[in-house]
Amino acid sequence: MPQKKTFGAMIGEYSSLAFVLPISSGIGYVMGYLLDKALHTHFLYIVFLILGTASGMLQIIRQLTRDLHEDDH
């Protein structure tokens, strides 16, 4: 049986979630921007921004569902 997390550990995990979405969106934007410059296009930054945002949201959802399932046991 896994141990229950301490209050400090939970605070640390949830405060780090506040950075997941902006950082993943920013990384996606920068990757798309650099590819746009390299390939002389003008749309990849939008595609990669959307992918980065979606990946950040997916990570947040995974963490929250994992924590909800741990609370049930």
N, C-alpha and C. Protein backbone atom coordinates (compact mmCIF):
# COMPACT_ATOMS: atom_id res chain seq x y z
N MET A 1 0.85 -1.18 0.00
CA MET A 1 0.00 0.00 0.00
C MET A 1 0.89 1.25 0.00
N PRO A 2 0.68 2.17 -0.95
CA PRO A 2 1.52 3.37 -0.99
C PRO A 2 1.22 4.30 0.18
N GLN A 3 2.26 5.01 0.61
CA GLN A 3 2.09 5.95 1.71
C GLN A 3 1.33 7.18 1.25
N LYS A 4 0.61 7.78 2.16
CA LYS A 4 -0.09 9.02 1.87
C LYS A 4 0.93 10.15 1.78
N LYS A 5 0.75 11.03 0.83
CA LYS A 5 1.68 12.13 0.64
C LYS A 5 1.52 13.16 1.75
N THR A 6 2.64 13.77 2.11
CA THR A 6 2.58 14.84 3.10
C THR A 6 2.01 16.10 2.48
N PHE A 7 1.58 17.00 3.33
CA PHE A 7 1.00 18.25 2.84
C PHE A 7 2.02 19.03 2.01
N GLY A 8 3.27 19.05 2.46
CA GLY A 8 4.31 19.76 1.72
C GLY A 8 4.56 19.17 0.35
N ALA A 9 4.53 17.84 0.26
CA ALA A 9 4.72 17.19 -1.03
C ALA A 9 3.58 17.51 -1.98
N MET A 10 2.36 17.53 -1.47
CA MET A 10 1.20 17.86 -2.31
C MET A 10 1.27 19.31 -2.78
N ILE A 11 1.69 20.21 -1.90
CA ILE A 11 1.84 21.63 -2.29
C ILE A 11 2.87 21.75 -3.41
N GLY A 12 3.98 21.05 -3.27
CA GLY A 12 5.03 21.09 -4.29
C GLY A 12 4.55 20.56 -5.63
N GLU A 13 3.83 19.45 -5.61
CA GLU A 13 3.34 18.88 -6.87
C GLU A 13 2.34 19.80 -7.55
N TYR A 14 1.39 20.32 -6.79
CA TYR A 14 0.36 21.16 -7.40
C TYR A 14 0.89 22.53 -7.81
N SER A 15 1.87 23.05 -7.11
CA SER A 15 2.43 24.33 -7.55
C SER A 15 3.26 24.13 -8.82
N SER A 16 3.87 22.96 -8.99
CA SER A 16 4.61 22.72 -10.23
C SER A 16 3.66 22.57 -11.41
N LEU A 17 2.43 22.13 -11.16
CA LEU A 17 1.45 22.03 -12.25
C LEU A 17 1.11 23.41 -12.83
N ALA A 18 1.29 24.45 -12.04
CA ALA A 18 1.01 25.80 -12.54
C ALA A 18 1.98 26.21 -13.65
N PHE A 19 3.14 25.56 -13.69
CA PHE A 19 4.13 25.89 -14.70
C PHE A 19 4.09 24.98 -15.92
N VAL A 20 3.41 23.85 -15.81
CA VAL A 20 3.41 22.87 -16.90
C VAL A 20 2.80 23.44 -18.18
N LEU A 21 1.63 24.02 -18.08
CA LEU A 21 0.94 24.52 -19.27
C LEU A 21 1.67 25.67 -19.95
N PRO A 22 2.11 26.70 -19.23
CA PRO A 22 2.82 27.78 -19.93
C PRO A 22 4.15 27.34 -20.52
N ILE A 23 4.87 26.46 -19.83
CA ILE A 23 6.17 26.03 -20.35
C ILE A 23 5.99 25.15 -21.58
N SER A 24 5.05 24.21 -21.54
CA SER A 24 4.86 23.35 -22.70
C SER A 24 4.33 24.14 -23.89
N SER A 25 3.48 25.11 -23.65
CA SER A 25 3.00 25.97 -24.74
C SER A 25 4.14 26.81 -25.32
N GLY A 26 4.98 27.33 -24.45
CA GLY A 26 6.11 28.14 -24.91
C GLY A 26 7.11 27.32 -25.71
N ILE A 27 7.39 26.11 -25.26
CA ILE A 27 8.31 25.24 -25.99
C ILE A 27 7.74 24.90 -27.36
N GLY A 28 6.44 24.59 -27.40
CA GLY A 28 5.79 24.31 -28.68
C GLY A 28 5.87 25.49 -29.63
N TYR A 29 5.62 26.69 -29.11
CA TYR A 29 5.68 27.89 -29.94
C TYR A 29 7.09 28.11 -30.49
N VAL A 30 8.09 27.99 -29.63
CA VAL A 30 9.48 28.23 -30.06
C VAL A 30 9.91 27.20 -31.10
N MET A 31 9.53 25.95 -30.89
CA MET A 31 9.87 24.91 -31.88
C MET A 31 9.23 25.22 -33.23
N GLY A 32 7.95 25.60 -33.21
CA GLY A 32 7.27 25.94 -34.45
C GLY A 32 7.85 27.18 -35.11
N TYR A 33 8.20 28.17 -34.31
CA TYR A 33 8.80 29.39 -34.84
C TYR A 33 10.13 29.10 -35.52
N LEU A 34 10.96 28.29 -34.86
CA LEU A 34 12.25 27.95 -35.45
C LEU A 34 12.10 27.12 -36.72
N LEU A 35 11.14 26.21 -36.72
CA LEU A 35 10.88 25.44 -37.94
C LEU A 35 10.34 26.34 -39.05
N ASP A 36 9.50 27.30 -38.70
CA ASP A 36 9.01 28.25 -39.69
C ASP A 36 10.16 29.03 -40.33
N LYS A 37 11.09 29.47 -39.51
CA LYS A 37 12.25 30.20 -40.04
C LYS A 37 13.11 29.29 -40.92
N ALA A 38 13.31 28.05 -40.50
CA ALA A 38 14.18 27.13 -41.25
C ALA A 38 13.53 26.69 -42.55
N LEU A 39 12.22 26.48 -42.54
CA LEU A 39 11.53 25.96 -43.72
C LEU A 39 10.82 27.05 -44.53
N HIS A 40 10.94 28.30 -44.09
CA HIS A 40 10.32 29.45 -44.76
C HIS A 40 8.81 29.26 -44.90
N THR A 41 8.18 28.87 -43.80
CA THR A 41 6.72 28.75 -43.75
C THR A 41 6.19 29.74 -42.72
N HIS A 42 4.86 29.79 -42.59
CA HIS A 42 4.26 30.76 -41.67
C HIS A 42 3.11 30.16 -40.87
N PHE A 43 3.06 28.85 -40.71
CA PHE A 43 1.94 28.25 -39.99
C PHE A 43 2.37 27.23 -38.93
N LEU A 44 3.61 26.79 -38.95
CA LEU A 44 4.03 25.74 -38.04
C LEU A 44 4.02 26.19 -36.58
N TYR A 45 4.23 27.47 -36.33
CA TYR A 45 4.21 27.93 -34.94
C TYR A 45 2.83 27.73 -34.32
N ILE A 46 1.78 27.85 -35.11
CA ILE A 46 0.42 27.63 -34.60
C ILE A 46 0.20 26.15 -34.30
N VAL A 47 0.65 25.29 -35.21
CA VAL A 47 0.50 23.84 -35.03
C VAL A 47 1.24 23.39 -33.77
N PHE A 48 2.47 23.82 -33.61
CA PHE A 48 3.26 23.40 -32.46
C PHE A 48 2.79 24.05 -31.17
N LEU A 49 2.24 25.24 -31.26
CA LEU A 49 1.64 25.87 -30.08
C LEU A 49 0.46 25.04 -29.60
N ILE A 50 -0.39 24.61 -30.52
CA ILE A 50 -1.54 23.78 -30.16
C ILE A 50 -1.07 22.44 -29.59
N LEU A 51 -0.07 21.83 -30.21
CA LEU A 51 0.46 20.56 -29.70
C LEU A 51 1.07 20.72 -28.31
N GLY A 52 1.81 21.79 -28.09
CA GLY A 52 2.40 22.03 -26.78
C GLY A 52 1.35 22.27 -25.71
N THR A 53 0.31 23.03 -26.06
CA THR A 53 -0.77 23.28 -25.12
C THR A 53 -1.51 21.99 -24.79
N ALA A 54 -1.78 21.18 -25.82
CA ALA A 54 -2.46 19.91 -25.59
C ALA A 54 -1.63 18.97 -24.73
N SER A 55 -0.33 18.94 -24.95
CA SER A 55 0.51 18.06 -24.14
C SER A 55 0.56 18.54 -22.69
N GLY A 56 0.57 19.83 -22.47
CA GLY A 56 0.54 20.36 -21.11
C GLY A 56 -0.77 20.03 -20.40
N MET A 57 -1.87 20.16 -21.11
CA MET A 57 -3.16 19.83 -20.52
C MET A 57 -3.26 18.33 -20.22
N LEU A 58 -2.72 17.51 -21.11
CA LEU A 58 -2.72 16.06 -20.89
C LEU A 58 -1.92 15.70 -19.64
N GLN A 59 -0.79 16.35 -19.45
CA GLN A 59 0.03 16.08 -18.26
C GLN A 59 -0.71 16.49 -16.98
N ILE A 60 -1.40 17.60 -17.01
CA ILE A 60 -2.17 18.04 -15.85
C ILE A 60 -3.29 17.06 -15.54
N ILE A 61 -3.99 16.62 -16.58
CA ILE A 61 -5.08 15.66 -16.39
C ILE A 61 -4.55 14.34 -15.84
N ARG A 62 -3.41 13.87 -16.35
CA ARG A 62 -2.82 12.63 -15.85
C ARG A 62 -2.48 12.75 -14.37
N GLN A 63 -1.87 13.85 -13.98
CA GLN A 63 -1.48 14.03 -12.58
C GLN A 63 -2.70 14.08 -11.67
N LEU A 64 -3.72 14.81 -12.09
CA LEU A 64 -4.91 14.93 -11.26
C LEU A 64 -5.66 13.61 -11.15
N THR A 65 -5.78 12.86 -12.23
CA THR A 65 -6.46 11.57 -12.14
C THR A 65 -5.65 10.58 -11.31
N ARG A 66 -4.33 10.63 -11.41
CA ARG A 66 -3.48 9.77 -10.59
C ARG A 66 -3.70 10.08 -9.10
N ASP A 67 -3.77 11.35 -8.77
CA ASP A 67 -3.98 11.75 -7.38
C ASP A 67 -5.37 11.38 -6.90
N LEU A 68 -6.37 11.49 -7.75
CA LEU A 68 -7.73 11.12 -7.37
C LEU A 68 -7.82 9.62 -7.10
N HIS A 69 -7.15 8.81 -7.90
CA HIS A 69 -7.17 7.36 -7.69
C HIS A 69 -6.41 6.97 -6.44
N GLU A 70 -5.37 7.71 -6.09
CA GLU A 70 -4.62 7.43 -4.86
C GLU A 70 -5.47 7.75 -3.63
N ASP A 71 -6.31 8.77 -3.73
CA ASP A 71 -7.16 9.12 -2.61
C ASP A 71 -8.26 8.09 -2.37
N ASP A 72 -8.67 7.39 -3.43
CA ASP A 72 -9.72 6.39 -3.30
C ASP A 72 -9.25 5.16 -2.53
N HIS A 73 -7.95 4.90 -2.55
CA HIS A 73 -7.44 3.67 -1.90
C HIS A 73 -7.02 3.92 -0.49
